[in-house]
Amino acid sequence: MNWVVIETKKVVKTLDKLPKNIQSAYSYWRHLVIANGVNKLREIKSFHFEKLKGNKQGQYSCRLSKSYRVFFEINKREIKIIVVEVNKHEY
């Protein structure tokens, strides 16, 4: 069963402004989610899939590069992922 990836308006605006390598990494990430679901993200160690805490509680993140992350929410019941943000991670 294919998953659905929904991008917020903020994400749609942001994607065009990102460096080409990050756009490509996001596209690859998105394709993996649609075709294989969330469990595939957990299998690929380079994504550093993690559940977030604090003010981002209920969200998850994956690494697109050393600097950039994709932040998202998972709705398993409806088989969809809502991408909330793609940005440069602050250390």
Protein backbone atom coordinates (compact mmCIF):
# COMPACT_ATOMS: atom_id res chain seq x y z
CA MET A 1 0.00 0.00 0.00
CA ASN A 2 1.40 3.40 -1.00
CA TRP A 3 1.72 6.19 1.50
CA VAL A 4 0.61 9.75 0.76
CA VAL A 5 3.01 12.65 1.36
CA ILE A 6 1.33 15.99 2.03
CA GLU A 7 3.45 19.15 2.05
CA THR A 8 2.36 22.29 3.87
CA LYS A 9 2.31 25.60 1.97
CA LYS A 10 5.44 26.64 3.84
CA VAL A 11 7.28 23.53 2.58
CA VAL A 12 6.16 24.04 -1.02
CA LYS A 13 7.54 27.61 -0.94
CA THR A 14 10.78 26.50 0.70
CA LEU A 15 11.61 23.60 -1.64
CA ASP A 16 12.34 25.78 -4.69
CA LYS A 17 14.80 27.89 -2.70
CA LEU A 18 16.87 24.97 -1.40
CA PRO A 19 20.19 23.93 -2.96
CA LYS A 20 19.82 21.40 -5.81
CA ASN A 21 21.47 18.57 -3.85
CA ILE A 22 18.95 19.04 -1.01
CA GLN A 23 16.04 19.11 -3.49
CA SER A 24 17.35 15.85 -4.91
CA ALA A 25 17.75 14.28 -1.46
CA TYR A 26 14.21 15.36 -0.53
CA SER A 27 12.85 13.90 -3.75
CA TYR A 28 14.59 10.59 -2.98
CA TRP A 29 13.24 10.65 0.61
CA ARG A 30 9.72 11.39 -0.66
CA HIS A 31 9.88 8.54 -3.21
CA LEU A 32 11.00 6.09 -0.52
CA VAL A 33 8.12 7.08 1.75
CA ILE A 34 5.49 6.78 -0.98
CA ALA A 35 6.73 3.42 -2.24
CA ASN A 36 7.82 1.77 1.02
CA GLY A 37 6.39 3.66 3.99
CA VAL A 38 7.92 4.88 7.22
CA ASN A 39 9.60 1.60 8.13
CA LYS A 40 11.97 1.96 5.17
CA LEU A 41 13.19 5.29 6.62
CA ARG A 42 14.10 3.51 9.84
CA GLU A 43 16.10 0.89 7.92
CA ILE A 44 18.34 3.45 6.18
CA LYS A 45 20.73 4.60 8.90
CA SER A 46 21.97 7.67 7.01
CA PHE A 47 18.55 9.32 7.44
CA HIS A 48 18.98 9.31 11.25
CA PHE A 49 15.21 8.86 11.68
CA GLU A 50 14.20 10.17 15.10
CA LYS A 51 11.16 11.11 17.15
CA LEU A 52 11.38 14.69 18.41
CA LYS A 53 10.81 16.06 21.89
CA GLY A 54 9.99 19.43 23.42
CA ASN A 55 8.17 22.00 21.27
CA LYS A 56 8.27 19.59 18.29
CA GLN A 57 6.74 16.69 20.22
CA GLY A 58 4.68 14.46 17.94
CA GLN A 59 6.96 15.16 14.98
CA TYR A 60 9.80 13.18 13.46
CA SER A 61 12.88 14.18 11.51
CA CYS A 62 15.21 12.68 8.92
CA ARG A 63 18.57 13.96 7.78
CA LEU A 64 18.79 14.99 4.12
CA SER A 65 22.41 16.10 4.46
CA LYS A 66 24.74 17.00 7.29
CA SER A 67 22.97 20.37 7.62
CA TYR A 68 19.40 19.89 6.34
CA ARG A 69 16.49 18.03 7.93
CA VAL A 70 12.93 17.21 6.94
CA PHE A 71 10.41 17.46 9.79
CA PHE A 72 7.14 15.56 9.50
CA GLU A 73 4.15 14.04 11.27
CA ILE A 74 2.92 10.48 10.72
CA ASN A 75 -0.72 9.45 10.48
CA LYS A 76 -0.65 5.63 10.32
CA ARG A 77 -4.42 5.31 10.29
CA GLU A 78 -4.76 7.27 7.05
CA ILE A 79 -1.37 6.10 5.71
CA LYS A 80 -0.03 9.61 5.21
CA ILE A 81 2.90 11.78 6.17
CA ILE A 82 2.54 15.52 6.58
CA VAL A 83 5.79 17.35 5.85
CA VAL A 84 5.88 20.35 8.17
CA GLU A 85 9.29 21.80 7.43
CA VAL A 86 12.52 21.33 5.46
CA ASN A 87 15.31 23.53 6.74
CA LYS A 88 18.90 23.94 7.78
CA HIS A 89 19.33 22.35 11.18
CA GLU A 90 20.54 24.65 13.95
CA TYR A 91 23.09 23.06 16.28
